[in-house]
Amino acid sequence: VQFVESGGGLVQPGGSLRLSCAASGFGFSSYAMSWYRQAPGKERELVARITSGGGSIYYAVSVRGRFTISRDNAKNTVYLQMTSLKSEDTAVYYCKADGRQSWGQGTQVTVSS
């Protein structure tokens, strides 16, 4: 099982980024997928989750209305579109499959002027 996150970077407050997570080594289309983040000195937290077929989506209150999770089962990829970014969104972002223990290396998102 492998996850490769990409798309992070440095962005000014109010800006946007699109994260991607390419998955391999398991039946991607059968699993719900989630994005988590971990800021310095804080615990890892759930940001968004999408079911296997995309029919049900959850967002943490802190990102609701600003972030959009989506997936392409043909490409074994899950996305996180982030808009109206705030300094408090600065963190390393990870994707994960429900019921799987593996984590990727994450992608750093830094929101700063």
C-alpha atoms as a PDB file:
ATOM      1  CA  VAL A   1       0.000   0.000   0.000  1.00  0.00           C
ATOM      2  CA  GLN A   2       1.447   3.337  -1.010  1.00  0.00           C
ATOM      3  CA  PHE A   3       0.249   6.932  -0.986  1.00  0.00           C
ATOM      4  CA  VAL A   4       2.067   9.765  -2.721  1.00  0.00           C
ATOM      5  CA  GLU A   5       0.812  13.220  -1.808  1.00  0.00           C
ATOM      6  CA  SER A   6       1.699  16.255  -3.908  1.00  0.00           C
ATOM      7  CA  GLY A   7       0.625  19.805  -4.655  1.00  0.00           C
ATOM      8  CA  GLY A   8       1.638  21.547  -1.458  1.00  0.00           C
ATOM      9  CA  GLY A   9       3.637  24.738  -1.290  1.00  0.00           C
ATOM     10  CA  LEU A  10       3.821  28.283  -0.019  1.00  0.00           C
ATOM     11  CA  VAL A  11       0.755  30.424  -0.645  1.00  0.00           C
ATOM     12  CA  GLN A  12      -0.450  33.789   0.589  1.00  0.00           C
ATOM     13  CA  PRO A  13      -3.539  34.083   2.793  1.00  0.00           C
ATOM     14  CA  GLY A  14      -6.636  33.942   0.619  1.00  0.00           C
ATOM     15  CA  GLY A  15      -4.898  31.823  -1.980  1.00  0.00           C
ATOM     16  CA  SER A  16      -5.667  28.361  -3.299  1.00  0.00           C
ATOM     17  CA  LEU A  17      -3.927  25.028  -3.704  1.00  0.00           C
ATOM     18  CA  ARG A  18      -4.955  21.650  -5.066  1.00  0.00           C
ATOM     19  CA  LEU A  19      -3.510  18.595  -3.370  1.00  0.00           C
ATOM     20  CA  SER A  20      -3.361  15.178  -5.014  1.00  0.00           C
ATOM     21  CA  CYS A  21      -2.844  11.744  -3.521  1.00  0.00           C
ATOM     22  CA  ALA A  22      -1.955   8.871  -5.819  1.00  0.00           C
ATOM     23  CA  ALA A  23      -2.688   5.494  -4.235  1.00  0.00           C
ATOM     24  CA  SER A  24      -1.478   2.035  -5.176  1.00  0.00           C
ATOM     25  CA  GLY A  25      -1.267  -1.494  -3.828  1.00  0.00           C
ATOM     26  CA  PHE A  26      -4.899  -2.014  -2.851  1.00  0.00           C
ATOM     27  CA  GLY A  27      -8.425  -1.794  -4.258  1.00  0.00           C
ATOM     28  CA  PHE A  28      -8.681   1.981  -4.176  1.00  0.00           C
ATOM     29  CA  SER A  29     -12.201   2.190  -5.547  1.00  0.00           C
ATOM     30  CA  SER A  30     -13.545   0.066  -2.675  1.00  0.00           C
ATOM     31  CA  TYR A  31     -12.284   2.293   0.112  1.00  0.00           C
ATOM     32  CA  ALA A  32     -13.349   5.559   1.636  1.00  0.00           C
ATOM     33  CA  MET A  33     -10.490   8.036   1.552  1.00  0.00           C
ATOM     34  CA  SER A  34      -9.592  10.843   3.909  1.00  0.00           C
ATOM     35  CA  TRP A  35      -7.300  13.838   4.108  1.00  0.00           C
ATOM     36  CA  TYR A  36      -5.643  14.579   7.431  1.00  0.00           C
ATOM     37  CA  ARG A  37      -3.303  17.352   8.487  1.00  0.00           C
ATOM     38  CA  GLN A  38      -0.789  17.885  11.241  1.00  0.00           C
ATOM     39  CA  ALA A  39       0.435  21.300  12.282  1.00  0.00           C
ATOM     40  CA  PRO A  40       3.632  21.764  14.322  1.00  0.00           C
ATOM     41  CA  GLY A  41       3.052  20.801  17.931  1.00  0.00           C
ATOM     42  CA  LYS A  42      -0.479  19.568  17.283  1.00  0.00           C
ATOM     43  CA  GLU A  43      -2.110  16.199  16.804  1.00  0.00           C
ATOM     44  CA  ARG A  44      -3.021  14.919  13.376  1.00  0.00           C
ATOM     45  CA  GLU A  45      -6.634  15.836  12.571  1.00  0.00           C
ATOM     46  CA  LEU A  46      -9.206  14.720  10.034  1.00  0.00           C
ATOM     47  CA  VAL A  47      -9.893  17.368   7.407  1.00  0.00           C
ATOM     48  CA  ALA A  48     -12.205  15.658   4.921  1.00  0.00           C
ATOM     49  CA  ARG A  49     -13.481  12.202   3.996  1.00  0.00           C
ATOM     50  CA  ILE A  50     -15.145  10.801   0.893  1.00  0.00           C
ATOM     51  CA  THR A  51     -16.812   7.418   0.543  1.00  0.00           C
ATOM     52  CA  SER A  52     -15.749   4.895  -2.075  1.00  0.00           C
ATOM     53  CA  GLY A  53     -18.271   6.048  -4.669  1.00  0.00           C
ATOM     54  CA  GLY A  54     -18.135   9.682  -3.677  1.00  0.00           C
ATOM     55  CA  GLY A  55     -21.736   9.761  -2.517  1.00  0.00           C
ATOM     56  CA  SER A  56     -21.040  10.896   1.038  1.00  0.00           C
ATOM     57  CA  ILE A  57     -18.573  13.569   2.108  1.00  0.00           C
ATOM     58  CA  TYR A  58     -17.523  14.928   5.487  1.00  0.00           C
ATOM     59  CA  TYR A  59     -15.620  18.120   6.265  1.00  0.00           C
ATOM     60  CA  ALA A  60     -14.187  19.380   9.499  1.00  0.00           C
ATOM     61  CA  VAL A  61     -15.943  22.522  10.637  1.00  0.00           C
ATOM     62  CA  SER A  62     -12.752  24.534  10.254  1.00  0.00           C
ATOM     63  CA  VAL A  63     -12.580  23.907   6.472  1.00  0.00           C
ATOM     64  CA  ARG A  64     -16.244  23.633   5.542  1.00  0.00           C
ATOM     65  CA  GLY A  65     -17.116  25.904   2.637  1.00  0.00           C
ATOM     66  CA  ARG A  66     -13.445  26.397   1.701  1.00  0.00           C
ATOM     67  CA  PHE A  67     -12.128  22.894   0.912  1.00  0.00           C
ATOM     68  CA  THR A  68     -13.503  20.338  -1.537  1.00  0.00           C
ATOM     69  CA  ILE A  69     -12.569  16.659  -1.549  1.00  0.00           C
ATOM     70  CA  SER A  70     -13.007  14.582  -4.698  1.00  0.00           C
ATOM     71  CA  ARG A  71     -11.725  11.370  -6.199  1.00  0.00           C
ATOM     72  CA  ASP A  72     -11.081   9.735  -9.544  1.00  0.00           C
ATOM     73  CA  ASN A  73     -11.336   5.972  -9.136  1.00  0.00           C
ATOM     74  CA  ALA A  74     -10.024   5.405 -12.668  1.00  0.00           C
ATOM     75  CA  LYS A  75      -6.786   7.145 -11.656  1.00  0.00           C
ATOM     76  CA  ASN A  76      -6.635   5.843  -8.072  1.00  0.00           C
ATOM     77  CA  THR A  77      -6.327   9.448  -6.945  1.00  0.00           C
ATOM     78  CA  VAL A  78      -8.012  11.603  -4.335  1.00  0.00           C
ATOM     79  CA  TYR A  79      -7.875  15.398  -4.406  1.00  0.00           C
ATOM     80  CA  LEU A  80      -8.271  18.254  -1.978  1.00  0.00           C
ATOM     81  CA  GLN A  81      -9.082  21.643  -3.477  1.00  0.00           C
ATOM     82  CA  MET A  82      -8.300  24.327  -0.917  1.00  0.00           C
ATOM     83  CA  THR A  83      -9.461  27.913  -1.301  1.00  0.00           C
ATOM     84  CA  SER A  84      -9.503  31.011   0.911  1.00  0.00           C
ATOM     85  CA  LEU A  85      -6.501  29.624   2.726  1.00  0.00           C
ATOM     86  CA  LYS A  86      -5.668  30.907   6.200  1.00  0.00           C
ATOM     87  CA  SER A  87      -2.487  30.836   8.243  1.00  0.00           C
ATOM     88  CA  GLU A  88      -4.077  28.223  10.489  1.00  0.00           C
ATOM     89  CA  ASP A  89      -4.271  25.843   7.507  1.00  0.00           C
ATOM     90  CA  THR A  90      -0.477  25.553   7.605  1.00  0.00           C
ATOM     91  CA  ALA A  91       0.340  21.893   8.152  1.00  0.00           C
ATOM     92  CA  VAL A  92       1.576  18.718   6.552  1.00  0.00           C
ATOM     93  CA  TYR A  93      -1.323  17.118   4.696  1.00  0.00           C
ATOM     94  CA  TYR A  94      -1.711  13.346   4.398  1.00  0.00           C
ATOM     95  CA  CYS A  95      -4.179  11.037   2.719  1.00  0.00           C
ATOM     96  CA  LYS A  96      -5.314   7.713   4.113  1.00  0.00           C
ATOM     97  CA  ALA A  97      -7.653   4.875   3.231  1.00  0.00           C
ATOM     98  CA  ASP A  98     -10.206   3.748   5.815  1.00  0.00           C
ATOM     99  CA  GLY A  99      -9.110   0.528   7.470  1.00  0.00           C
ATOM    100  CA  ARG A 100      -5.552   0.783   6.150  1.00  0.00           C
ATOM    101  CA  GLN A 101      -2.687   1.619   8.472  1.00  0.00           C
ATOM    102  CA  SER A 102      -0.299   3.074   5.912  1.00  0.00           C
ATOM    103  CA  TRP A 103       0.484   6.770   5.575  1.00  0.00           C
ATOM    104  CA  GLY A 104       2.299   8.621   2.842  1.00  0.00           C
ATOM    105  CA  GLN A 105       5.087  11.128   3.354  1.00  0.00           C
ATOM    106  CA  GLY A 106       2.664  14.034   3.281  1.00  0.00           C
ATOM    107  CA  THR A 107       2.854  17.362   1.490  1.00  0.00           C
ATOM    108  CA  GLN A 108       3.662  20.626   3.242  1.00  0.00           C
ATOM    109  CA  VAL A 109       1.207  23.509   2.958  1.00  0.00           C
ATOM    110  CA  THR A 110       2.396  26.860   4.270  1.00  0.00           C
ATOM    111  CA  VAL A 111       0.078  29.853   4.268  1.00  0.00           C
ATOM    112  CA  SER A 112       2.005  33.035   4.906  1.00  0.00           C
ATOM    113  CA  SER A 113       2.437  36.537   3.569  1.00  0.00           C
END
